[in-house]
C-alpha atoms as a PDB file:
ATOM      1  CA  MET A   1     -18.819  -1.389  10.619  1.00  0.00           C
ATOM      2  CA  THR A   2     -18.987   2.075   9.072  1.00  0.00           C
ATOM      3  CA  VAL A   3     -15.607   3.677   8.429  1.00  0.00           C
ATOM      4  CA  ALA A   4     -15.662   7.475   8.507  1.00  0.00           C
ATOM      5  CA  ARG A   5     -13.542   9.196   5.902  1.00  0.00           C
ATOM      6  CA  LEU A   6     -10.994  11.664   7.186  1.00  0.00           C
ATOM      7  CA  LEU A   7     -11.074  13.401   3.832  1.00  0.00           C
ATOM      8  CA  THR A   8     -14.344  14.388   2.199  1.00  0.00           C
ATOM      9  CA  PRO A   9     -14.545  14.613  -1.604  1.00  0.00           C
ATOM     10  CA  GLN A  10     -15.832  17.874  -3.044  1.00  0.00           C
ATOM     11  CA  PRO A  11     -16.785  18.833  -6.601  1.00  0.00           C
ATOM     12  CA  ASP A  12     -13.815  19.855  -8.726  1.00  0.00           C
ATOM     13  CA  THR A  13     -14.882  23.192 -10.183  1.00  0.00           C
ATOM     14  CA  SER A  14     -12.904  25.974 -11.780  1.00  0.00           C
ATOM     15  CA  ALA A  15     -14.118  28.302  -9.038  1.00  0.00           C
ATOM     16  CA  SER A  16     -12.727  26.065  -6.302  1.00  0.00           C
ATOM     17  CA  ILE A  17      -9.366  25.817  -8.061  1.00  0.00           C
ATOM     18  CA  GLU A  18      -9.028  29.598  -8.127  1.00  0.00           C
ATOM     19  CA  THR A  19     -10.193  30.133  -4.550  1.00  0.00           C
ATOM     20  CA  VAL A  20      -7.621  31.872  -2.397  1.00  0.00           C
ATOM     21  CA  GLY A  21      -6.771  29.855   0.689  1.00  0.00           C
ATOM     22  CA  ARG A  22      -6.696  26.091   0.940  1.00  0.00           C
ATOM     23  CA  HIS A  23      -7.837  24.212  -2.094  1.00  0.00           C
ATOM     24  CA  PRO A  24     -10.490  21.494  -1.702  1.00  0.00           C
ATOM     25  CA  LEU A  25      -8.972  18.332  -0.212  1.00  0.00           C
ATOM     26  CA  ASN A  26      -5.671  20.229   0.126  1.00  0.00           C
ATOM     27  CA  PHE A  27      -5.069  19.473  -3.560  1.00  0.00           C
ATOM     28  CA  TYR A  28      -2.115  21.192  -5.219  1.00  0.00           C
ATOM     29  CA  GLU A  29      -0.756  19.826  -8.490  1.00  0.00           C
ATOM     30  CA  SER A  30       2.960  19.036  -8.430  1.00  0.00           C
ATOM     31  CA  PRO A  31       5.257  20.851 -10.855  1.00  0.00           C
ATOM     32  CA  SER A  32       6.953  18.455 -13.264  1.00  0.00           C
ATOM     33  CA  TRP A  33      10.396  19.216 -11.830  1.00  0.00           C
ATOM     34  CA  PHE A  34       9.417  17.652  -8.500  1.00  0.00           C
ATOM     35  CA  THR A  35       9.309  14.265 -10.221  1.00  0.00           C
ATOM     36  CA  THR A  36      12.237  14.765 -12.594  1.00  0.00           C
ATOM     37  CA  GLU A  37      14.466  16.001  -9.794  1.00  0.00           C
ATOM     38  CA  LEU A  38      13.584  12.955  -7.700  1.00  0.00           C
ATOM     39  CA  LEU A  39      14.452  10.649 -10.608  1.00  0.00           C
ATOM     40  CA  ARG A  40      17.861  12.305 -10.945  1.00  0.00           C
ATOM     41  CA  HIS A  41      18.707  11.077  -7.433  1.00  0.00           C
ATOM     42  CA  VAL A  42      16.615   7.948  -6.892  1.00  0.00           C
ATOM     43  CA  ARG A  43      16.106   5.354  -9.626  1.00  0.00           C
ATOM     44  CA  LEU A  44      12.585   4.193  -8.864  1.00  0.00           C
ATOM     45  CA  SER A  45      11.740   0.854 -10.390  1.00  0.00           C
ATOM     46  CA  GLY A  46       9.246  -1.972 -10.451  1.00  0.00           C
ATOM     47  CA  VAL A  47       5.601  -1.542  -9.543  1.00  0.00           C
ATOM     48  CA  ILE A  48       4.896   1.993  -8.313  1.00  0.00           C
ATOM     49  CA  GLY A  49       1.802   3.189  -6.467  1.00  0.00           C
ATOM     50  CA  GLU A  50       0.507   6.771  -6.492  1.00  0.00           C
ATOM     51  CA  PRO A  51      -2.161   7.035  -3.748  1.00  0.00           C
ATOM     52  CA  CYS A  52      -2.929  10.763  -4.243  1.00  0.00           C
ATOM     53  CA  VAL A  53      -2.781  11.020  -8.024  1.00  0.00           C
ATOM     54  CA  GLY A  54      -4.700  14.278  -8.560  1.00  0.00           C
ATOM     55  CA  HIS A  55      -4.503  15.163 -12.239  1.00  0.00           C
ATOM     56  CA  GLY A  56      -1.590  12.761 -12.771  1.00  0.00           C
ATOM     57  CA  ALA A  57       1.394  15.116 -12.706  1.00  0.00           C
ATOM     58  CA  ILE A  58       3.632  12.523 -11.039  1.00  0.00           C
ATOM     59  CA  ALA A  59       2.085   9.386 -12.539  1.00  0.00           C
ATOM     60  CA  SER A  60       2.280  10.687 -16.114  1.00  0.00           C
ATOM     61  CA  LEU A  61       6.050  11.071 -15.855  1.00  0.00           C
ATOM     62  CA  LEU A  62       6.568   7.779 -14.044  1.00  0.00           C
ATOM     63  CA  ARG A  63       4.758   6.066 -16.916  1.00  0.00           C
ATOM     64  CA  VAL A  64       7.488   7.150 -19.346  1.00  0.00           C
ATOM     65  CA  TRP A  65      10.279   6.224 -16.913  1.00  0.00           C
ATOM     66  CA  PRO A  66      11.828   3.047 -18.374  1.00  0.00           C
ATOM     67  CA  ASP A  67      12.284   1.321 -15.012  1.00  0.00           C
ATOM     68  CA  THR A  68       8.574   1.516 -14.177  1.00  0.00           C
ATOM     69  CA  GLN A  69       7.104  -1.942 -14.610  1.00  0.00           C
ATOM     70  CA  ARG A  70       3.544  -0.875 -13.799  1.00  0.00           C
ATOM     71  CA  ILE A  71       1.817   1.921 -11.933  1.00  0.00           C
ATOM     72  CA  TRP A  72      -1.451   1.998 -10.018  1.00  0.00           C
ATOM     73  CA  THR A  73      -3.219   5.170  -8.937  1.00  0.00           C
ATOM     74  CA  ASN A  74      -5.690   6.282  -6.312  1.00  0.00           C
ATOM     75  CA  ASP A  75      -7.481   9.480  -5.381  1.00  0.00           C
ATOM     76  CA  ILE A  76     -10.276  10.013  -2.898  1.00  0.00           C
ATOM     77  CA  ASP A  77     -11.869  12.598  -5.183  1.00  0.00           C
ATOM     78  CA  PRO A  78     -14.292  10.794  -7.546  1.00  0.00           C
ATOM     79  CA  HIS A  79     -13.771  13.567 -10.086  1.00  0.00           C
ATOM     80  CA  LYS A  80     -10.118  12.552 -10.537  1.00  0.00           C
ATOM     81  CA  ALA A  81      -9.221   9.753 -12.958  1.00  0.00           C
ATOM     82  CA  ALA A  82      -7.688   6.909 -10.909  1.00  0.00           C
ATOM     83  CA  ASP A  83      -7.673   3.133 -10.628  1.00  0.00           C
ATOM     84  CA  TYR A  84      -9.043   3.385  -7.096  1.00  0.00           C
ATOM     85  CA  GLN A  85     -11.059   6.010  -5.233  1.00  0.00           C
ATOM     86  CA  MET A  86     -10.307   5.398  -1.573  1.00  0.00           C
ATOM     87  CA  ASP A  87      -9.154   7.354   1.456  1.00  0.00           C
ATOM     88  CA  ALA A  88      -5.380   6.919   1.673  1.00  0.00           C
ATOM     89  CA  THR A  89      -5.354   7.938   5.332  1.00  0.00           C
ATOM     90  CA  LEU A  90      -7.070   4.647   6.228  1.00  0.00           C
ATOM     91  CA  SER A  91      -5.233   1.340   6.581  1.00  0.00           C
ATOM     92  CA  GLU A  92      -8.365  -0.399   5.272  1.00  0.00           C
ATOM     93  CA  SER A  93      -7.799   1.263   1.911  1.00  0.00           C
ATOM     94  CA  TRP A  94      -4.175   0.152   1.708  1.00  0.00           C
ATOM     95  CA  ALA A  95      -5.175  -3.443   2.286  1.00  0.00           C
ATOM     96  CA  LYS A  96      -7.057  -3.231  -1.031  1.00  0.00           C
ATOM     97  CA  PHE A  97      -4.272  -1.588  -3.034  1.00  0.00           C
ATOM     98  CA  PRO A  98      -2.017  -3.860  -5.131  1.00  0.00           C
ATOM     99  CA  ASP A  99       1.431  -4.790  -3.866  1.00  0.00           C
ATOM    100  CA  CYS A 100       4.151  -2.418  -5.010  1.00  0.00           C
ATOM    101  CA  ASP A 101       7.875  -1.789  -4.837  1.00  0.00           C
ATOM    102  CA  TRP A 102       7.643   1.982  -4.440  1.00  0.00           C
ATOM    103  CA  ILE A 103       5.097   4.569  -3.423  1.00  0.00           C
ATOM    104  CA  CYS A 104       5.653   7.980  -5.002  1.00  0.00           C
ATOM    105  CA  THR A 105       3.230  10.779  -4.157  1.00  0.00           C
ATOM    106  CA  ASN A 106       2.555  14.369  -3.181  1.00  0.00           C
ATOM    107  CA  PRO A 107      -0.027  13.837  -0.425  1.00  0.00           C
ATOM    108  CA  PRO A 108      -2.262  16.481   1.113  1.00  0.00           C
ATOM    109  CA  TYR A 109      -0.459  18.173   3.982  1.00  0.00           C
ATOM    110  CA  SER A 110      -1.786  19.222   7.393  1.00  0.00           C
ATOM    111  CA  GLU A 111      -3.061  16.286   9.448  1.00  0.00           C
ATOM    112  CA  PHE A 112      -3.435  14.011   6.427  1.00  0.00           C
ATOM    113  CA  ALA A 113       0.231  13.554   5.495  1.00  0.00           C
ATOM    114  CA  ALA A 114       1.403  11.463   8.459  1.00  0.00           C
ATOM    115  CA  PRO A 115      -1.169   8.641   8.199  1.00  0.00           C
ATOM    116  CA  ILE A 116      -0.654   8.421   4.440  1.00  0.00           C
ATOM    117  CA  ILE A 117       3.126   8.192   4.780  1.00  0.00           C
ATOM    118  CA  LYS A 118       2.949   5.598   7.552  1.00  0.00           C
ATOM    119  CA  ASN A 119       0.561   3.458   5.509  1.00  0.00           C
ATOM    120  CA  ALA A 120       2.728   3.873   2.422  1.00  0.00           C
ATOM    121  CA  TYR A 121       5.840   2.771   4.297  1.00  0.00           C
ATOM    122  CA  GLN A 122       4.116  -0.415   5.421  1.00  0.00           C
ATOM    123  CA  LYS A 123       2.860  -1.149   1.894  1.00  0.00           C
ATOM    124  CA  ALA A 124       5.971  -0.520  -0.198  1.00  0.00           C
ATOM    125  CA  ARG A 125       8.474  -3.347  -0.552  1.00  0.00           C
ATOM    126  CA  VAL A 126      11.417  -1.061  -1.359  1.00  0.00           C
ATOM    127  CA  GLY A 127      10.564   2.455  -0.322  1.00  0.00           C
ATOM    128  CA  VAL A 128       8.549   5.642  -0.337  1.00  0.00           C
ATOM    129  CA  ALA A 129       9.245   8.962  -2.067  1.00  0.00           C
ATOM    130  CA  ALA A 130       6.963  11.793  -1.011  1.00  0.00           C
ATOM    131  CA  PHE A 131       6.862  15.548  -1.464  1.00  0.00           C
ATOM    132  CA  LEU A 132       6.172  17.097   1.928  1.00  0.00           C
ATOM    133  CA  LEU A 133       6.642  20.349   3.764  1.00  0.00           C
ATOM    134  CA  THR A 134      10.186  20.355   5.127  1.00  0.00           C
ATOM    135  CA  SER A 135       8.658  20.799   8.585  1.00  0.00           C
ATOM    136  CA  PHE A 136       7.480  17.183   8.330  1.00  0.00           C
ATOM    137  CA  LEU A 137      10.800  16.429  10.035  1.00  0.00           C
ATOM    138  CA  GLU A 138       9.432  17.997  13.219  1.00  0.00           C
ATOM    139  CA  PRO A 139       8.598  15.131  15.630  1.00  0.00           C
ATOM    140  CA  CYS A 140       4.947  16.046  16.155  1.00  0.00           C
ATOM    141  CA  ASP A 141       2.665  13.647  17.979  1.00  0.00           C
ATOM    142  CA  ASP A 142       1.242  12.168  14.765  1.00  0.00           C
ATOM    143  CA  ARG A 143       4.662  11.106  13.436  1.00  0.00           C
ATOM    144  CA  ALA A 144       7.306  11.354  16.154  1.00  0.00           C
ATOM    145  CA  ASP A 145       7.531   7.608  16.775  1.00  0.00           C
ATOM    146  CA  PHE A 146       7.505   6.851  13.058  1.00  0.00           C
ATOM    147  CA  LEU A 147      10.308   9.326  12.322  1.00  0.00           C
ATOM    148  CA  GLN A 148      12.383   8.008  15.206  1.00  0.00           C
ATOM    149  CA  GLN A 149      12.020   4.409  14.055  1.00  0.00           C
ATOM    150  CA  HIS A 150      12.152   5.174  10.313  1.00  0.00           C
ATOM    151  CA  PRO A 151      14.079   8.378   9.594  1.00  0.00           C
ATOM    152  CA  PRO A 152      14.208   9.244   5.876  1.00  0.00           C
ATOM    153  CA  SER A 153      17.261   7.959   4.044  1.00  0.00           C
ATOM    154  CA  LEU A 154      17.309  11.024   1.794  1.00  0.00           C
ATOM    155  CA  VAL A 155      15.862  14.524   1.942  1.00  0.00           C
ATOM    156  CA  LEU A 156      16.037  16.633  -1.220  1.00  0.00           C
ATOM    157  CA  VAL A 157      15.475  20.228  -0.147  1.00  0.00           C
ATOM    158  CA  LEU A 158      13.823  22.034  -3.037  1.00  0.00           C
ATOM    159  CA  PRO A 159      13.288  25.717  -3.873  1.00  0.00           C
ATOM    160  CA  ARG A 160       9.869  27.137  -3.132  1.00  0.00           C
ATOM    161  CA  PHE A 161       7.105  26.735  -5.674  1.00  0.00           C
ATOM    162  CA  CYS A 162       4.088  29.047  -5.905  1.00  0.00           C
ATOM    163  CA  PHE A 163       1.073  26.740  -5.831  1.00  0.00           C
ATOM    164  CA  ARG A 164      -1.547  29.483  -5.454  1.00  0.00           C
ATOM    165  CA  LYS A 165      -2.232  33.212  -5.655  1.00  0.00           C
ATOM    166  CA  ASP A 166      -1.978  35.568  -2.697  1.00  0.00           C
ATOM    167  CA  LYS A 167      -5.015  36.738  -0.681  1.00  0.00           C
ATOM    168  CA  ARG A 168      -5.852  39.352  -3.280  1.00  0.00           C
ATOM    169  CA  GLY A 169      -5.550  36.843  -6.096  1.00  0.00           C
ATOM    170  CA  THR A 170      -3.182  39.154  -7.950  1.00  0.00           C
ATOM    171  CA  ARG A 171       0.226  37.473  -7.670  1.00  0.00           C
ATOM    172  CA  TRP A 172       1.659  34.036  -7.094  1.00  0.00           C
ATOM    173  CA  ALA A 173       2.764  33.465  -3.505  1.00  0.00           C
ATOM    174  CA  THR A 174       4.885  30.836  -1.786  1.00  0.00           C
ATOM    175  CA  ASP A 175       4.089  28.912   1.383  1.00  0.00           C
ATOM    176  CA  ASN A 176       5.876  29.797   4.609  1.00  0.00           C
ATOM    177  CA  ILE A 177       7.898  26.576   4.386  1.00  0.00           C
ATOM    178  CA  THR A 178       9.483  25.040   1.334  1.00  0.00           C
ATOM    179  CA  ILE A 179       8.794  21.497   0.169  1.00  0.00           C
ATOM    180  CA  SER A 180      11.336  18.703   0.265  1.00  0.00           C
ATOM    181  CA  CYS A 181      11.319  15.279  -1.306  1.00  0.00           C
ATOM    182  CA  PHE A 182      11.513  12.716   1.493  1.00  0.00           C
ATOM    183  CA  VAL A 183      12.772   9.271   0.542  1.00  0.00           C
ATOM    184  CA  TRP A 184      12.518   6.200   2.740  1.00  0.00           C
ATOM    185  CA  ASP A 185      14.616   3.568   0.952  1.00  0.00           C
ATOM    186  CA  LYS A 186      14.472   0.407   3.042  1.00  0.00           C
ATOM    187  CA  ARG A 187      17.744  -0.767   1.486  1.00  0.00           C
ATOM    188  CA  ALA A 188      19.710   2.321   2.561  1.00  0.00           C
ATOM    189  CA  ILE A 189      22.236   2.110   5.382  1.00  0.00           C
ATOM    190  CA  GLY A 190      22.751   5.853   5.874  1.00  0.00           C
ATOM    191  CA  GLN A 191      21.072   9.222   5.681  1.00  0.00           C
ATOM    192  CA  GLN A 192      21.692  12.141   3.333  1.00  0.00           C
ATOM    193  CA  ILE A 193      20.456  15.694   2.827  1.00  0.00           C
ATOM    194  CA  ILE A 194      20.893  17.267  -0.613  1.00  0.00           C
ATOM    195  CA  ILE A 195      20.193  20.939  -1.278  1.00  0.00           C
ATOM    196  CA  ARG A 196      18.881  21.658  -4.778  1.00  0.00           C
ATOM    197  CA  PRO A 197      19.010  25.304  -5.918  1.00  0.00           C
ATOM    198  CA  LYS A 198      16.759  26.262  -8.805  1.00  0.00           C
ATOM    199  CA  SER A 199      19.800  26.837 -11.032  1.00  0.00           C
ATOM    200  CA  ALA A 200      20.597  23.115 -10.816  1.00  0.00           C
ATOM    201  CA  ILE A 201      17.087  21.868 -11.581  1.00  0.00           C
ATOM    202  CA  ALA A 202      16.290  20.925 -15.173  1.00  0.00           C
ATOM    203  CA  GLY A 203      12.988  22.399 -16.328  1.00  0.00           C
ATOM    204  CA  PHE A 204      12.521  24.560 -13.243  1.00  0.00           C
ATOM    205  CA  TYR A 205       9.609  27.011 -13.180  1.00  0.00           C
ATOM    206  CA  LYS A 206       8.246  29.106 -10.335  1.00  0.00           C
ATOM    207  CA  ASN A 207       4.463  28.878 -10.761  1.00  0.00           C
ATOM    208  CA  PRO A 208       1.846  27.065 -12.873  1.00  0.00           C
ATOM    209  CA  GLU A 209       1.671  29.884 -15.429  1.00  0.00           C
ATOM    210  CA  GLN A 210       5.345  29.305 -16.270  1.00  0.00           C
ATOM    211  CA  ALA A 211       5.023  25.513 -16.547  1.00  0.00           C
ATOM    212  CA  ILE A 212       6.949  23.724 -19.256  1.00  0.00           C
ATOM    213  CA  SER A 213       5.051  21.446 -21.622  1.00  0.00           C
ATOM    214  CA  GLN A 214       4.346  17.815 -20.849  1.00  0.00           C
ATOM    215  CA  GLU A 215       6.451  16.896 -23.872  1.00  0.00           C
ATOM    216  CA  ARG A 216       9.428  18.822 -22.512  1.00  0.00           C
ATOM    217  CA  ALA A 217       9.030  17.212 -19.080  1.00  0.00           C
ATOM    218  CA  GLU A 218       8.995  13.778 -20.702  1.00  0.00           C
ATOM    219  CA  GLU A 219      12.146  14.662 -22.638  1.00  0.00           C
ATOM    220  CA  ILE A 220      13.839  15.475 -19.322  1.00  0.00           C
ATOM    221  CA  VAL A 221      12.738  12.109 -17.901  1.00  0.00           C
ATOM    222  CA  GLN A 222      14.210  10.330 -20.915  1.00  0.00           C
ATOM    223  CA  ALA A 223      17.459  12.304 -20.659  1.00  0.00           C
ATOM    224  CA  ILE A 224      17.786  11.326 -16.995  1.00  0.00           C
ATOM    225  CA  ALA A 225      17.176   7.688 -17.856  1.00  0.00           C
ATOM    226  CA  LYS A 226      19.959   7.817 -20.447  1.00  0.00           C
ATOM    227  CA  GLY A 227      22.372   9.412 -17.977  1.00  0.00           C
ATOM    228  CA  GLU A 228      22.523  12.658 -19.924  1.00  0.00           C
ATOM    229  CA  LEU A 229      21.752  14.791 -16.853  1.00  0.00           C
ATOM    230  CA  CYS A 230      24.230  14.506 -14.001  1.00  0.00           C
ATOM    231  CA  ASN A 231      23.479  15.425 -10.376  1.00  0.00           C
ATOM    232  CA  ASN A 232      25.381  18.683 -10.166  1.00  0.00           C
END
């Protein structure tokens, strides 16, 4: 049987990265504070899977997190460095991924997010942490049943980040809807929404040009692990 890919890999060129509009494969690299802010509120541990690794923004910080036992990575784009190169929208791919305690990822949005999240929830022993448009809470046909049966245990509502330039390519622009970190912790017995203003986020920056160094981001991870950054 031939399985058609819902996502189609495309060459990763500098021209495509700068193109105004949607990036190839809906790829947008996560700012480091997405991951560090998650770790301030949820202590991920054990084996962690990253099914949409991109350039490794999330995985690189999880590797220095002391509670990470091991991490495996995947990306459909063959130009990205990953342990696996499969389509995370397909259940057939997840059957080949290693077992894991957590899935932590920033998946492509649009129609691709829901199947990836549903597959991730089935795969993870403990839970899923994913960076999604806040509108993912809307019970659309592709996720209404899932959200009703498995509402997120935690939603971290984050300030807007400028992933790309505006139509003229002259200034950094935000999406119409901000991104939140959705957590499905299978051990949780309640639900919580936490609002995170930029003033409370360690290492916050607004766009890729303002990004802090990898070394600084890793220092923030280590400070969180030591309990030196409280959740205020």
